């Protein structure tokens, strides 16, 4: 295990986390603006 590999995996984890965060924010905005209703989600 080298420091380079650890940095790369950490960067990938941060990228995945940011992607999920942006998807969650986008879904939240859609629900707030009424594009997606509770009937569709549930």
N, C-alpha and C. Protein backbone atom coordinates (compact mmCIF):
# COMPACT_ATOMS: atom_id res chain seq x y z
N UNK A 1 0.85 -1.20 0.00
CA UNK A 1 0.00 0.00 0.00
C UNK A 1 0.89 1.25 0.00
N UNK A 2 0.66 2.11 -0.95
CA UNK A 2 1.46 3.33 -1.05
C UNK A 2 0.57 4.55 -0.82
N UNK A 3 1.21 5.67 -0.59
CA UNK A 3 0.46 6.90 -0.33
C UNK A 3 -0.31 7.35 -1.57
N UNK A 4 0.28 7.08 -2.74
CA UNK A 4 -0.37 7.47 -4.00
C UNK A 4 -1.72 6.76 -4.16
N UNK A 5 -1.74 5.46 -3.88
CA UNK A 5 -2.98 4.70 -4.02
C UNK A 5 -4.02 5.18 -3.01
N UNK A 6 -3.58 5.51 -1.80
CA UNK A 6 -4.51 5.98 -0.78
C UNK A 6 -5.12 7.32 -1.21
N UNK A 7 -4.30 8.18 -1.77
CA UNK A 7 -4.81 9.48 -2.21
C UNK A 7 -5.81 9.29 -3.35
N UNK A 8 -5.51 8.37 -4.26
CA UNK A 8 -6.40 8.15 -5.41
C UNK A 8 -7.75 7.60 -4.95
N UNK A 9 -7.73 6.64 -4.04
CA UNK A 9 -8.98 6.06 -3.56
C UNK A 9 -9.78 7.10 -2.78
N UNK A 10 -9.07 7.95 -2.04
CA UNK A 10 -9.76 8.99 -1.27
C UNK A 10 -10.41 10.00 -2.21
N UNK A 11 -9.71 10.35 -3.28
CA UNK A 11 -10.27 11.29 -4.25
C UNK A 11 -11.50 10.70 -4.92
N UNK A 12 -11.44 9.41 -5.23
CA UNK A 12 -12.59 8.74 -5.86
C UNK A 12 -13.77 8.72 -4.90
N UNK A 13 -13.51 8.46 -3.62
CA UNK A 13 -14.58 8.43 -2.63
C UNK A 13 -15.24 9.80 -2.52
N UNK A 14 -14.42 10.85 -2.53
CA UNK A 14 -14.96 12.21 -2.45
C UNK A 14 -15.80 12.51 -3.69
N UNK A 15 -15.34 12.06 -4.85
CA UNK A 15 -16.08 12.30 -6.09
C UNK A 15 -17.44 11.60 -6.05
N UNK A 16 -17.46 10.36 -5.57
CA UNK A 16 -18.72 9.62 -5.46
C UNK A 16 -19.66 10.31 -4.47
N UNK A 17 -19.10 10.77 -3.33
CA UNK A 17 -19.91 11.45 -2.32
C UNK A 17 -20.52 12.73 -2.89
N UNK A 18 -19.72 13.50 -3.63
CA UNK A 18 -20.22 14.74 -4.21
C UNK A 18 -21.31 14.46 -5.25
N UNK A 19 -21.13 13.38 -6.02
CA UNK A 19 -22.13 13.02 -7.03
C UNK A 19 -23.46 12.68 -6.37
N UNK A 20 -23.41 11.87 -5.30
CA UNK A 20 -24.63 11.50 -4.59
C UNK A 20 -25.27 12.74 -3.97
N UNK A 21 -24.43 13.64 -3.45
CA UNK A 21 -24.94 14.85 -2.82
C UNK A 21 -25.66 15.73 -3.84
N UNK A 22 -25.08 15.85 -5.04
CA UNK A 22 -25.69 16.66 -6.08
C UNK A 22 -27.00 16.03 -6.57
N UNK A 23 -27.03 14.70 -6.67
CA UNK A 23 -28.26 14.01 -7.08
C UNK A 23 -29.35 14.23 -6.04
N UNK A 24 -28.99 14.15 -4.77
CA UNK A 24 -29.95 14.36 -3.70
C UNK A 24 -30.49 15.79 -3.72
N UNK A 25 -29.60 16.75 -3.96
CA UNK A 25 -30.01 18.15 -4.01
C UNK A 25 -30.93 18.39 -5.20
N UNK A 26 -30.60 17.80 -6.34
CA UNK A 26 -31.43 17.96 -7.54
C UNK A 26 -32.82 17.37 -7.31
N UNK A 27 -32.87 16.19 -6.70
CA UNK A 27 -34.16 15.56 -6.43
C UNK A 27 -34.97 16.40 -5.45
N UNK A 28 -34.30 16.96 -4.45
CA UNK A 28 -34.96 17.82 -3.47
C UNK A 28 -35.56 19.06 -4.13
N UNK A 29 -34.82 19.67 -5.05
CA UNK A 29 -35.32 20.85 -5.75
C UNK A 29 -36.51 20.50 -6.62
N UNK A 30 -36.46 19.33 -7.28
CA UNK A 30 -37.57 18.91 -8.13
C UNK A 30 -38.83 18.71 -7.29
N UNK A 31 -38.67 18.09 -6.14
CA UNK A 31 -39.82 17.86 -5.26
C UNK A 31 -40.35 19.20 -4.74
N UNK A 32 -39.44 20.12 -4.40
CA UNK A 32 -39.86 21.41 -3.86
C UNK A 32 -40.63 22.22 -4.89
N UNK A 33 -40.19 22.16 -6.14
CA UNK A 33 -40.85 22.94 -7.19
C UNK A 33 -42.07 22.23 -7.76
N UNK A 34 -42.35 21.00 -7.28
CA UNK A 34 -43.57 20.32 -7.69
C UNK A 34 -43.43 19.54 -8.99
N UNK A 35 -42.20 19.40 -9.49
CA UNK A 35 -42.02 18.63 -10.72
C UNK A 35 -42.31 17.16 -10.44
N UNK A 36 -41.83 16.71 -9.29
CA UNK A 36 -42.10 15.33 -8.87
C UNK A 36 -43.00 15.38 -7.64
N UNK A 37 -44.14 14.75 -7.70
CA UNK A 37 -45.08 14.80 -6.59
C UNK A 37 -44.85 13.64 -5.63
N UNK A 38 -45.44 13.73 -4.46
CA UNK A 38 -45.30 12.66 -3.47
C UNK A 38 -45.94 11.37 -3.96
N UNK A 39 -46.95 11.48 -4.82
CA UNK A 39 -47.61 10.28 -5.33
C UNK A 39 -46.65 9.45 -6.18
N UNK A 40 -45.78 10.13 -6.92
CA UNK A 40 -44.82 9.39 -7.75
C UNK A 40 -43.74 8.77 -6.88
N UNK A 41 -43.28 9.53 -5.87
CA UNK A 41 -42.21 9.03 -5.01
C UNK A 41 -42.70 7.88 -4.14
N UNK A 42 -43.93 8.00 -3.65
CA UNK A 42 -44.41 6.95 -2.72
C UNK A 42 -45.47 6.10 -3.40
